[in-house]
Amino acid sequence: MIFIVVKFKTKPEWTDRWLDLVGPFTAATRAEDGNLWFDWSRSVDDPTEFVLVEAFRDQAAGGAHVASPHFKTAMNELPQALASTPKIISQTIDATDWSDMGEMTVG
């Protein structure tokens, strides 16, 4: 799978509207055939920082995502709300889903 984590630092005036701004992009990406997940979180240390954790089945699915109209629209619309260039980690890993955490078992 292609496993990606991106940190987005928003302008303060956009922070409360960020999830609305990325809403259509999020919905369209989650509907893609090869998308495994596309989940947003907010930093507990910096309220203007949002973290996106996403995964795609394989390189082809990731490539289709980057070539999609909604990706291109997002790349044009999102920068207006950002204070800096997003930071990304993108890796191909040998997994198909989340694994249980071995160090902690519940139930």
PDB file of N, CA and C in Angstrom:
ATOM      1  N   MET A   1       0.831  -1.172   0.000  1.00  0.00           N
ATOM      2  CA  MET A   1       0.000   0.000   0.000  1.00  0.00           C
ATOM      3  C   MET A   1       0.877   1.238   0.000  1.00  0.00           C
ATOM      4  N   ILE A   2       0.320   2.346  -0.451  1.00  0.00           N
ATOM      5  CA  ILE A   2       0.970   3.643  -0.352  1.00  0.00           C
ATOM      6  C   ILE A   2       0.399   4.301   0.903  1.00  0.00           C
ATOM      7  N   PHE A   3       1.271   4.576   1.861  1.00  0.00           N
ATOM      8  CA  PHE A   3       0.869   5.168   3.146  1.00  0.00           C
ATOM      9  C   PHE A   3       1.427   6.588   3.193  1.00  0.00           C
ATOM     10  N   ILE A   4       0.541   7.559   3.427  1.00  0.00           N
ATOM     11  CA  ILE A   4       0.917   8.967   3.338  1.00  0.00           C
ATOM     12  C   ILE A   4       0.434   9.712   4.579  1.00  0.00           C
ATOM     13  N   VAL A   5       1.300  10.562   5.111  1.00  0.00           N
ATOM     14  CA  VAL A   5       0.939  11.466   6.193  1.00  0.00           C
ATOM     15  C   VAL A   5       1.350  12.869   5.755  1.00  0.00           C
ATOM     16  N   VAL A   6       0.409  13.812   5.839  1.00  0.00           N
ATOM     17  CA  VAL A   6       0.684  15.184   5.437  1.00  0.00           C
ATOM     18  C   VAL A   6       0.276  16.119   6.568  1.00  0.00           C
ATOM     19  N   LYS A   7       1.154  17.080   6.894  1.00  0.00           N
ATOM     20  CA  LYS A   7       0.843  18.105   7.893  1.00  0.00           C
ATOM     21  C   LYS A   7       0.558  19.414   7.176  1.00  0.00           C
ATOM     22  N   PHE A   8      -0.605  20.005   7.487  1.00  0.00           N
ATOM     23  CA  PHE A   8      -1.035  21.263   6.900  1.00  0.00           C
ATOM     24  C   PHE A   8      -1.103  22.323   8.000  1.00  0.00           C
ATOM     25  N   LYS A   9      -0.396  23.410   7.821  1.00  0.00           N
ATOM     26  CA  LYS A   9      -0.417  24.535   8.766  1.00  0.00           C
ATOM     27  C   LYS A   9      -1.315  25.618   8.165  1.00  0.00           C
ATOM     28  N   THR A  10      -2.451  25.876   8.808  1.00  0.00           N
ATOM     29  CA  THR A  10      -3.413  26.830   8.274  1.00  0.00           C
ATOM     30  C   THR A  10      -3.163  28.245   8.785  1.00  0.00           C
ATOM     31  N   LYS A  11      -3.620  29.214   8.002  1.00  0.00           N
ATOM     32  CA  LYS A  11      -3.647  30.595   8.465  1.00  0.00           C
ATOM     33  C   LYS A  11      -4.707  30.666   9.565  1.00  0.00           C
ATOM     34  N   PRO A  12      -4.467  31.441  10.614  1.00  0.00           N
ATOM     35  CA  PRO A  12      -5.433  31.484  11.726  1.00  0.00           C
ATOM     36  C   PRO A  12      -6.871  31.783  11.286  1.00  0.00           C
ATOM     37  N   GLU A  13      -7.031  32.648  10.307  1.00  0.00           N
ATOM     38  CA  GLU A  13      -8.383  33.000   9.857  1.00  0.00           C
ATOM     39  C   GLU A  13      -9.068  31.873   9.076  1.00  0.00           C
ATOM     40  N   TRP A  14      -8.327  30.838   8.704  1.00  0.00           N
ATOM     41  CA  TRP A  14      -8.881  29.688   7.991  1.00  0.00           C
ATOM     42  C   TRP A  14      -9.023  28.452   8.872  1.00  0.00           C
ATOM     43  N   THR A  15      -8.449  28.477  10.053  1.00  0.00           N
ATOM     44  CA  THR A  15      -8.401  27.280  10.894  1.00  0.00           C
ATOM     45  C   THR A  15      -9.784  26.706  11.163  1.00  0.00           C
ATOM     46  N   ASP A  16     -10.727  27.528  11.555  1.00  0.00           N
ATOM     47  CA  ASP A  16     -12.068  27.018  11.874  1.00  0.00           C
ATOM     48  C   ASP A  16     -12.856  26.601  10.638  1.00  0.00           C
ATOM     49  N   ARG A  17     -12.404  26.989   9.458  1.00  0.00           N
ATOM     50  CA  ARG A  17     -13.094  26.650   8.202  1.00  0.00           C
ATOM     51  C   ARG A  17     -12.372  25.571   7.408  1.00  0.00           C
ATOM     52  N   TRP A  18     -11.233  25.109   7.913  1.00  0.00           N
ATOM     53  CA  TRP A  18     -10.414  24.160   7.155  1.00  0.00           C
ATOM     54  C   TRP A  18     -11.181  22.896   6.774  1.00  0.00           C
ATOM     55  N   LEU A  19     -11.846  22.279   7.718  1.00  0.00           N
ATOM     56  CA  LEU A  19     -12.541  21.015   7.413  1.00  0.00           C
ATOM     57  C   LEU A  19     -13.674  21.217   6.418  1.00  0.00           C
ATOM     58  N   ASP A  20     -14.302  22.388   6.431  1.00  0.00           N
ATOM     59  CA  ASP A  20     -15.313  22.693   5.406  1.00  0.00           C
ATOM     60  C   ASP A  20     -14.650  22.834   4.037  1.00  0.00           C
ATOM     61  N   LEU A  21     -13.497  23.497   3.998  1.00  0.00           N
ATOM     62  CA  LEU A  21     -12.781  23.693   2.735  1.00  0.00           C
ATOM     63  C   LEU A  21     -12.360  22.364   2.127  1.00  0.00           C
ATOM     64  N   VAL A  22     -11.856  21.451   2.953  1.00  0.00           N
ATOM     65  CA  VAL A  22     -11.373  20.163   2.431  1.00  0.00           C
ATOM     66  C   VAL A  22     -12.481  19.107   2.335  1.00  0.00           C
ATOM     67  N   GLY A  23     -13.683  19.442   2.746  1.00  0.00           N
ATOM     68  CA  GLY A  23     -14.789  18.483   2.740  1.00  0.00           C
ATOM     69  C   GLY A  23     -15.055  17.837   1.388  1.00  0.00           C
ATOM     70  N   PRO A  24     -15.244  18.611   0.313  1.00  0.00           N
ATOM     71  CA  PRO A  24     -15.490  17.989  -0.994  1.00  0.00           C
ATOM     72  C   PRO A  24     -14.314  17.123  -1.468  1.00  0.00           C
ATOM     73  N   PHE A  25     -13.086  17.570  -1.232  1.00  0.00           N
ATOM     74  CA  PHE A  25     -11.897  16.801  -1.597  1.00  0.00           C
ATOM     75  C   PHE A  25     -11.850  15.494  -0.826  1.00  0.00           C
ATOM     76  N   THR A  26     -12.162  15.558   0.453  1.00  0.00           N
ATOM     77  CA  THR A  26     -12.172  14.368   1.309  1.00  0.00           C
ATOM     78  C   THR A  26     -13.208  13.360   0.809  1.00  0.00           C
ATOM     79  N   ALA A  27     -14.424  13.826   0.564  1.00  0.00           N
ATOM     80  CA  ALA A  27     -15.497  12.929   0.106  1.00  0.00           C
ATOM     81  C   ALA A  27     -15.155  12.290  -1.236  1.00  0.00           C
ATOM     82  N   ALA A  28     -14.637  13.078  -2.155  1.00  0.00           N
ATOM     83  CA  ALA A  28     -14.294  12.540  -3.479  1.00  0.00           C
ATOM     84  C   ALA A  28     -13.152  11.530  -3.393  1.00  0.00           C
ATOM     85  N   THR A  29     -12.168  11.804  -2.552  1.00  0.00           N
ATOM     86  CA  THR A  29     -11.039  10.870  -2.411  1.00  0.00           C
ATOM     87  C   THR A  29     -11.497   9.571  -1.759  1.00  0.00           C
ATOM     88  N   ARG A  30     -12.316   9.666  -0.727  1.00  0.00           N
ATOM     89  CA  ARG A  30     -12.818   8.448  -0.070  1.00  0.00           C
ATOM     90  C   ARG A  30     -13.631   7.584  -1.014  1.00  0.00           C
ATOM     91  N   ALA A  31     -14.219   8.185  -2.043  1.00  0.00           N
ATOM     92  CA  ALA A  31     -15.032   7.438  -3.013  1.00  0.00           C
ATOM     93  C   ALA A  31     -14.185   6.771  -4.108  1.00  0.00           C
ATOM     94  N   GLU A  32     -12.901   7.076  -4.171  1.00  0.00           N
ATOM     95  CA  GLU A  32     -12.035   6.469  -5.182  1.00  0.00           C
ATOM     96  C   GLU A  32     -11.901   4.967  -4.941  1.00  0.00           C
ATOM     97  N   ASP A  33     -11.856   4.221  -6.018  1.00  0.00           N
ATOM     98  CA  ASP A  33     -11.766   2.760  -5.936  1.00  0.00           C
ATOM     99  C   ASP A  33     -10.571   2.282  -5.118  1.00  0.00           C
ATOM    100  N   GLY A  34      -9.412   2.891  -5.279  1.00  0.00           N
ATOM    101  CA  GLY A  34      -8.206   2.404  -4.608  1.00  0.00           C
ATOM    102  C   GLY A  34      -7.883   3.069  -3.289  1.00  0.00           C
ATOM    103  N   ASN A  35      -8.759   3.952  -2.800  1.00  0.00           N
ATOM    104  CA  ASN A  35      -8.487   4.612  -1.522  1.00  0.00           C
ATOM    105  C   ASN A  35      -8.849   3.688  -0.374  1.00  0.00           C
ATOM    106  N   LEU A  36      -7.935   3.521   0.572  1.00  0.00           N
ATOM    107  CA  LEU A  36      -8.189   2.684   1.742  1.00  0.00           C
ATOM    108  C   LEU A  36      -8.690   3.521   2.916  1.00  0.00           C
ATOM    109  N   TRP A  37      -8.122   4.711   3.100  1.00  0.00           N
ATOM    110  CA  TRP A  37      -8.633   5.673   4.075  1.00  0.00           C
ATOM    111  C   TRP A  37      -8.068   7.045   3.791  1.00  0.00           C
ATOM    112  N   PHE A  38      -8.752   8.054   4.334  1.00  0.00           N
ATOM    113  CA  PHE A  38      -8.387   9.451   4.141  1.00  0.00           C
ATOM    114  C   PHE A  38      -8.931  10.176   5.359  1.00  0.00           C
ATOM    115  N   ASP A  39      -8.118  10.267   6.418  1.00  0.00           N
ATOM    116  CA  ASP A  39      -8.590  10.707   7.735  1.00  0.00           C
ATOM    117  C   ASP A  39      -7.838  11.942   8.230  1.00  0.00           C
ATOM    118  N   TRP A  40      -8.599  12.913   8.708  1.00  0.00           N
ATOM    119  CA  TRP A  40      -8.047  14.160   9.241  1.00  0.00           C
ATOM    120  C   TRP A  40      -8.000  14.130  10.752  1.00  0.00           C
ATOM    121  N   SER A  41      -6.940  14.724  11.310  1.00  0.00           N
ATOM    122  CA  SER A  41      -6.810  14.951  12.747  1.00  0.00           C
ATOM    123  C   SER A  41      -6.291  16.366  12.943  1.00  0.00           C
ATOM    124  N   ARG A  42      -6.455  16.847  14.159  1.00  0.00           N
ATOM    125  CA  ARG A  42      -5.960  18.181  14.494  1.00  0.00           C
ATOM    126  C   ARG A  42      -4.920  18.052  15.600  1.00  0.00           C
ATOM    127  N   SER A  43      -3.831  18.777  15.475  1.00  0.00           N
ATOM    128  CA  SER A  43      -2.765  18.733  16.469  1.00  0.00           C
ATOM    129  C   SER A  43      -3.274  19.199  17.828  1.00  0.00           C
ATOM    130  N   VAL A  44      -2.876  18.505  18.887  1.00  0.00           N
ATOM    131  CA  VAL A  44      -3.228  18.932  20.242  1.00  0.00           C
ATOM    132  C   VAL A  44      -2.286  20.036  20.723  1.00  0.00           C
ATOM    133  N   ASP A  45      -1.149  20.204  20.057  1.00  0.00           N
ATOM    134  CA  ASP A  45      -0.181  21.232  20.435  1.00  0.00           C
ATOM    135  C   ASP A  45      -0.345  22.532  19.651  1.00  0.00           C
ATOM    136  N   ASP A  46      -0.857  22.440  18.437  1.00  0.00           N
ATOM    137  CA  ASP A  46      -0.993  23.603  17.567  1.00  0.00           C
ATOM    138  C   ASP A  46      -2.348  23.545  16.874  1.00  0.00           C
ATOM    139  N   PRO A  47      -3.315  24.350  17.308  1.00  0.00           N
ATOM    140  CA  PRO A  47      -4.660  24.270  16.742  1.00  0.00           C
ATOM    141  C   PRO A  47      -4.743  24.659  15.263  1.00  0.00           C
ATOM    142  N   THR A  48      -3.681  25.264  14.713  1.00  0.00           N
ATOM    143  CA  THR A  48      -3.696  25.616  13.295  1.00  0.00           C
ATOM    144  C   THR A  48      -3.113  24.508  12.410  1.00  0.00           C
ATOM    145  N   GLU A  49      -2.685  23.402  13.027  1.00  0.00           N
ATOM    146  CA  GLU A  49      -2.089  22.298  12.264  1.00  0.00           C
ATOM    147  C   GLU A  49      -3.053  21.116  12.165  1.00  0.00           C
ATOM    148  N   PHE A  50      -3.272  20.677  10.931  1.00  0.00           N
ATOM    149  CA  PHE A  50      -4.104  19.507  10.659  1.00  0.00           C
ATOM    150  C   PHE A  50      -3.227  18.430  10.036  1.00  0.00           C
ATOM    151  N   VAL A  51      -3.499  17.176  10.394  1.00  0.00           N
ATOM    152  CA  VAL A  51      -2.716  16.051   9.898  1.00  0.00           C
ATOM    153  C   VAL A  51      -3.651  15.125   9.114  1.00  0.00           C
ATOM    154  N   LEU A  52      -3.254  14.822   7.904  1.00  0.00           N
ATOM    155  CA  LEU A  52      -3.999  13.917   7.037  1.00  0.00           C
ATOM    156  C   LEU A  52      -3.257  12.596   6.967  1.00  0.00           C
ATOM    157  N   VAL A  53      -3.947  11.504   7.286  1.00  0.00           N
ATOM    158  CA  VAL A  53      -3.395  10.154   7.148  1.00  0.00           C
ATOM    159  C   VAL A  53      -4.213   9.476   6.058  1.00  0.00           C
ATOM    160  N   GLU A  54      -3.526   9.073   5.006  1.00  0.00           N
ATOM    161  CA  GLU A  54      -4.231   8.479   3.869  1.00  0.00           C
ATOM    162  C   GLU A  54      -3.486   7.256   3.368  1.00  0.00           C
ATOM    163  N   ALA A  55      -4.214   6.382   2.696  1.00  0.00           N
ATOM    164  CA  ALA A  55      -3.601   5.185   2.132  1.00  0.00           C
ATOM    165  C   ALA A  55      -4.324   4.809   0.849  1.00  0.00           C
ATOM    166  N   PHE A  56      -3.528   4.282  -0.082  1.00  0.00           N
ATOM    167  CA  PHE A  56      -4.047   3.805  -1.357  1.00  0.00           C
ATOM    168  C   PHE A  56      -3.564   2.378  -1.570  1.00  0.00           C
ATOM    169  N   ARG A  57      -4.377   1.593  -2.220  1.00  0.00           N
ATOM    170  CA  ARG A  57      -4.121   0.171  -2.414  1.00  0.00           C
ATOM    171  C   ARG A  57      -2.747  -0.085  -3.029  1.00  0.00           C
ATOM    172  N   ASP A  58      -2.368   0.710  -4.038  1.00  0.00           N
ATOM    173  CA  ASP A  58      -1.106   0.487  -4.754  1.00  0.00           C
ATOM    174  C   ASP A  58      -0.717   1.756  -5.514  1.00  0.00           C
ATOM    175  N   GLN A  59       0.390   1.668  -6.247  1.00  0.00           N
ATOM    176  CA  GLN A  59       0.879   2.823  -7.012  1.00  0.00           C
ATOM    177  C   GLN A  59      -0.144   3.302  -8.037  1.00  0.00           C
ATOM    178  N   ALA A  60      -0.830   2.368  -8.670  1.00  0.00           N
ATOM    179  CA  ALA A  60      -1.824   2.746  -9.678  1.00  0.00           C
ATOM    180  C   ALA A  60      -2.944   3.568  -9.050  1.00  0.00           C
ATOM    181  N   ALA A  61      -3.409   3.148  -7.885  1.00  0.00           N
ATOM    182  CA  ALA A  61      -4.474   3.887  -7.205  1.00  0.00           C
ATOM    183  C   ALA A  61      -3.983   5.261  -6.759  1.00  0.00           C
ATOM    184  N   GLY A  62      -2.752   5.324  -6.253  1.00  0.00           N
ATOM    185  CA  GLY A  62      -2.178   6.612  -5.874  1.00  0.00           C
ATOM    186  C   GLY A  62      -2.016   7.532  -7.071  1.00  0.00           C
ATOM    187  N   GLY A  63      -1.594   6.976  -8.182  1.00  0.00           N
ATOM    188  CA  GLY A  63      -1.456   7.763  -9.407  1.00  0.00           C
ATOM    189  C   GLY A  63      -2.784   8.265  -9.930  1.00  0.00           C
ATOM    190  N   ALA A  64      -3.809   7.427  -9.844  1.00  0.00           N
ATOM    191  CA  ALA A  64      -5.146   7.849 -10.262  1.00  0.00           C
ATOM    192  C   ALA A  64      -5.650   8.990  -9.378  1.00  0.00           C
ATOM    193  N   HIS A  65      -5.332   8.913  -8.099  1.00  0.00           N
ATOM    194  CA  HIS A  65      -5.731   9.981  -7.168  1.00  0.00           C
ATOM    195  C   HIS A  65      -5.095  11.310  -7.571  1.00  0.00           C
ATOM    196  N   VAL A  66      -3.798  11.301  -7.813  1.00  0.00           N
ATOM    197  CA  VAL A  66      -3.086  12.533  -8.168  1.00  0.00           C
ATOM    198  C   VAL A  66      -3.556  13.077  -9.521  1.00  0.00           C
ATOM    199  N   ALA A  67      -4.027  12.216 -10.401  1.00  0.00           N
ATOM    200  CA  ALA A  67      -4.496  12.636 -11.718  1.00  0.00           C
ATOM    201  C   ALA A  67      -5.968  13.054 -11.717  1.00  0.00           C
ATOM    202  N   SER A  68      -6.648  12.859 -10.599  1.00  0.00           N
ATOM    203  CA  SER A  68      -8.098  13.127 -10.560  1.00  0.00           C
ATOM    204  C   SER A  68      -8.417  14.611 -10.599  1.00  0.00           C
ATOM    205  N   PRO A  69      -9.576  14.967 -11.124  1.00  0.00           N
ATOM    206  CA  PRO A  69      -9.989  16.372 -11.136  1.00  0.00           C
ATOM    207  C   PRO A  69     -10.102  16.968  -9.728  1.00  0.00           C
ATOM    208  N   HIS A  70     -10.579  16.187  -8.750  1.00  0.00           N
ATOM    209  CA  HIS A  70     -10.723  16.742  -7.399  1.00  0.00           C
ATOM    210  C   HIS A  70      -9.365  17.005  -6.741  1.00  0.00           C
ATOM    211  N   PHE A  71      -8.354  16.217  -7.078  1.00  0.00           N
ATOM    212  CA  PHE A  71      -7.005  16.489  -6.564  1.00  0.00           C
ATOM    213  C   PHE A  71      -6.486  17.805  -7.147  1.00  0.00           C
ATOM    214  N   LYS A  72      -6.653  17.977  -8.455  1.00  0.00           N
ATOM    215  CA  LYS A  72      -6.194  19.202  -9.103  1.00  0.00           C
ATOM    216  C   LYS A  72      -6.927  20.424  -8.556  1.00  0.00           C
ATOM    217  N   THR A  73      -8.221  20.294  -8.323  1.00  0.00           N
ATOM    218  CA  THR A  73      -8.996  21.394  -7.732  1.00  0.00           C
ATOM    219  C   THR A  73      -8.473  21.725  -6.345  1.00  0.00           C
ATOM    220  N   ALA A  74      -8.222  20.698  -5.539  1.00  0.00           N
ATOM    221  CA  ALA A  74      -7.710  20.920  -4.184  1.00  0.00           C
ATOM    222  C   ALA A  74      -6.352  21.603  -4.212  1.00  0.00           C
ATOM    223  N   MET A  75      -5.483  21.216  -5.129  1.00  0.00           N
ATOM    224  CA  MET A  75      -4.154  21.822  -5.201  1.00  0.00           C
ATOM    225  C   MET A  75      -4.242  23.308  -5.567  1.00  0.00           C
ATOM    226  N   ASN A  76      -5.309  23.692  -6.246  1.00  0.00           N
ATOM    227  CA  ASN A  76      -5.526  25.101  -6.579  1.00  0.00           C
ATOM    228  C   ASN A  76      -6.214  25.870  -5.458  1.00  0.00           C
ATOM    229  N   GLU A  77      -7.133  25.219  -4.728  1.00  0.00           N
ATOM    230  CA  GLU A  77      -7.942  25.910  -3.725  1.00  0.00           C
ATOM    231  C   GLU A  77      -7.314  25.945  -2.330  1.00  0.00           C
ATOM    232  N   LEU A  78      -6.633  24.893  -1.923  1.00  0.00           N
ATOM    233  CA  LEU A  78      -6.150  24.805  -0.546  1.00  0.00           C
ATOM    234  C   LEU A  78      -5.060  25.810  -0.177  1.00  0.00           C
ATOM    235  N   PRO A  79      -4.140  26.165  -1.076  1.00  0.00           N
ATOM    236  CA  PRO A  79      -3.070  27.079  -0.669  1.00  0.00           C
ATOM    237  C   PRO A  79      -3.539  28.412  -0.092  1.00  0.00           C
ATOM    238  N   GLN A  80      -4.695  28.898  -0.487  1.00  0.00           N
ATOM    239  CA  GLN A  80      -5.190  30.170   0.050  1.00  0.00           C
ATOM    240  C   GLN A  80      -5.350  30.136   1.567  1.00  0.00           C
ATOM    241  N   ALA A  81      -5.542  28.942   2.124  1.00  0.00           N
ATOM    242  CA  ALA A  81      -5.795  28.786   3.555  1.00  0.00           C
ATOM    243  C   ALA A  81      -4.547  28.393   4.337  1.00  0.00           C
ATOM    244  N   LEU A  82      -3.423  28.231   3.657  1.00  0.00           N
ATOM    245  CA  LEU A  82      -2.225  27.704   4.304  1.00  0.00           C
ATOM    246  C   LEU A  82      -1.200  28.780   4.641  1.00  0.00           C
ATOM    247  N   ALA A  83      -0.563  28.599   5.787  1.00  0.00           N
ATOM    248  CA  ALA A  83       0.487  29.507   6.237  1.00  0.00           C
ATOM    249  C   ALA A  83       1.859  29.080   5.712  1.00  0.00           C
ATOM    250  N   SER A  84       1.987  27.807   5.324  1.00  0.00           N
ATOM    251  CA  SER A  84       3.263  27.304   4.813  1.00  0.00           C
ATOM    252  C   SER A  84       3.014  26.081   3.934  1.00  0.00           C
ATOM    253  N   THR A  85       4.041  25.672   3.216  1.00  0.00           N
ATOM    254  CA  THR A  85       3.961  24.489   2.366  1.00  0.00           C
ATOM    255  C   THR A  85       3.756  23.251   3.238  1.00  0.00           C
ATOM    256  N   PRO A  86       2.789  22.400   2.893  1.00  0.00           N
ATOM    257  CA  PRO A  86       2.579  21.179   3.687  1.00  0.00           C
ATOM    258  C   PRO A  86       3.827  20.287   3.708  1.00  0.00           C
ATOM    259  N   LYS A  87       3.956  19.522   4.783  1.00  0.00           N
ATOM    260  CA  LYS A  87       5.045  18.555   4.952  1.00  0.00           C
ATOM    261  C   LYS A  87       4.467  17.152   4.757  1.00  0.00           C
ATOM    262  N   ILE A  88       5.182  16.301   4.033  1.00  0.00           N
ATOM    263  CA  ILE A  88       4.639  14.988   3.674  1.00  0.00           C
ATOM    264  C   ILE A  88       5.649  13.874   3.897  1.00  0.00           C
ATOM    265  N   ILE A  89       5.117  12.725   4.271  1.00  0.00           N
ATOM    266  CA  ILE A  89       5.849  11.458   4.239  1.00  0.00           C
ATOM    267  C   ILE A  89       4.993  10.522   3.401  1.00  0.00           C
ATOM    268  N   SER A  90       5.567   9.940   2.364  1.00  0.00           N
ATOM    269  CA  SER A  90       4.849   9.028   1.478  1.00  0.00           C
ATOM    270  C   SER A  90       5.734   7.810   1.255  1.00  0.00           C
ATOM    271  N   GLN A  91       5.236   6.640   1.662  1.00  0.00           N
ATOM    272  CA  GLN A  91       6.029   5.416   1.573  1.00  0.00           C
ATOM    273  C   GLN A  91       5.176   4.253   1.080  1.00  0.00           C
ATOM    274  N   THR A  92       5.787   3.374   0.332  1.00  0.00           N
ATOM    275  CA  THR A  92       5.152   2.107  -0.005  1.00  0.00           C
ATOM    276  C   THR A  92       5.494   1.144   1.120  1.00  0.00           C
ATOM    277  N   ILE A  93       4.472   0.541   1.702  1.00  0.00           N
ATOM    278  CA  ILE A  93       4.700  -0.402   2.798  1.00  0.00           C
ATOM    279  C   ILE A  93       3.999  -1.715   2.507  1.00  0.00           C
ATOM    280  N   ASP A  94       4.468  -2.758   3.145  1.00  0.00           N
ATOM    281  CA  ASP A  94       3.909  -4.093   2.966  1.00  0.00           C
ATOM    282  C   ASP A  94       2.779  -4.285   3.968  1.00  0.00           C
ATOM    283  N   ALA A  95       1.618  -3.773   3.622  1.00  0.00           N
ATOM    284  CA  ALA A  95       0.433  -3.890   4.476  1.00  0.00           C
ATOM    285  C   ALA A  95      -0.795  -3.658   3.605  1.00  0.00           C
ATOM    286  N   THR A  96      -1.938  -4.071   4.105  1.00  0.00           N
ATOM    287  CA  THR A  96      -3.194  -3.823   3.404  1.00  0.00           C
ATOM    288  C   THR A  96      -4.216  -3.142   4.304  1.00  0.00           C
ATOM    289  N   ASP A  97      -3.895  -3.021   5.598  1.00  0.00           N
ATOM    290  CA  ASP A  97      -4.799  -2.414   6.563  1.00  0.00           C
ATOM    291  C   ASP A  97      -4.012  -2.139   7.840  1.00  0.00           C
ATOM    292  N   TRP A  98      -4.657  -1.538   8.808  1.00  0.00           N
ATOM    293  CA  TRP A  98      -4.052  -1.319  10.120  1.00  0.00           C
ATOM    294  C   TRP A  98      -3.881  -2.658  10.823  1.00  0.00           C
ATOM    295  N   SER A  99      -2.847  -2.785  11.629  1.00  0.00           N
ATOM    296  CA  SER A  99      -2.610  -3.981  12.431  1.00  0.00           C
ATOM    297  C   SER A  99      -2.921  -3.670  13.886  1.00  0.00           C
ATOM    298  N   ASP A 100      -3.236  -4.699  14.669  1.00  0.00           N
ATOM    299  CA  ASP A 100      -3.402  -4.518  16.099  1.00  0.00           C
ATOM    300  C   ASP A 100      -2.061  -4.147  16.722  1.00  0.00           C
ATOM    301  N   MET A 101      -2.099  -3.295  17.746  1.00  0.00           N
ATOM    302  CA  MET A 101      -0.892  -2.900  18.453  1.00  0.00           C
ATOM    303  C   MET A 101      -0.515  -4.014  19.431  1.00  0.00           C
ATOM    304  N   GLY A 102       0.605  -4.660  19.171  1.00  0.00           N
ATOM    305  CA  GLY A 102       1.026  -5.798  19.976  1.00  0.00           C
ATOM    306  C   GLY A 102       1.330  -5.477  21.423  1.00  0.00           C
ATOM    307  N   GLU A 103       1.765  -4.228  21.689  1.00  0.00           N
ATOM    308  CA  GLU A 103       2.133  -3.841  23.036  1.00  0.00           C
ATOM    309  C   GLU A 103       0.922  -3.549  23.933  1.00  0.00           C
ATOM    310  N   MET A 104      -0.269  -3.505  23.342  1.00  0.00           N
ATOM    311  CA  MET A 104      -1.466  -3.194  24.120  1.00  0.00           C
ATOM    312  C   MET A 104      -2.650  -3.981  23.554  1.00  0.00           C
ATOM    313  N   THR A 105      -3.214  -4.835  24.381  1.00  0.00           N
ATOM    314  CA  THR A 105      -4.383  -5.591  23.975  1.00  0.00           C
ATOM    315  C   THR A 105      -5.545  -5.194  24.869  1.00  0.00           C
ATOM    316  N   VAL A 106      -6.667  -4.896  24.258  1.00  0.00           N
ATOM    317  CA  VAL A 106      -7.858  -4.518  25.008  1.00  0.00           C
ATOM    318  C   VAL A 106      -8.912  -5.590  24.799  1.00  0.00           C
ATOM    319  N   GLY A 107      -9.518  -6.027  25.903  1.00  0.00           N
ATOM    320  CA  GLY A 107     -10.609  -6.999  25.832  1.00  0.00           C
ATOM    321  C   GLY A 107     -10.127  -8.354  25.717  1.00  0.00           C
TER     322      GLY A 107
END
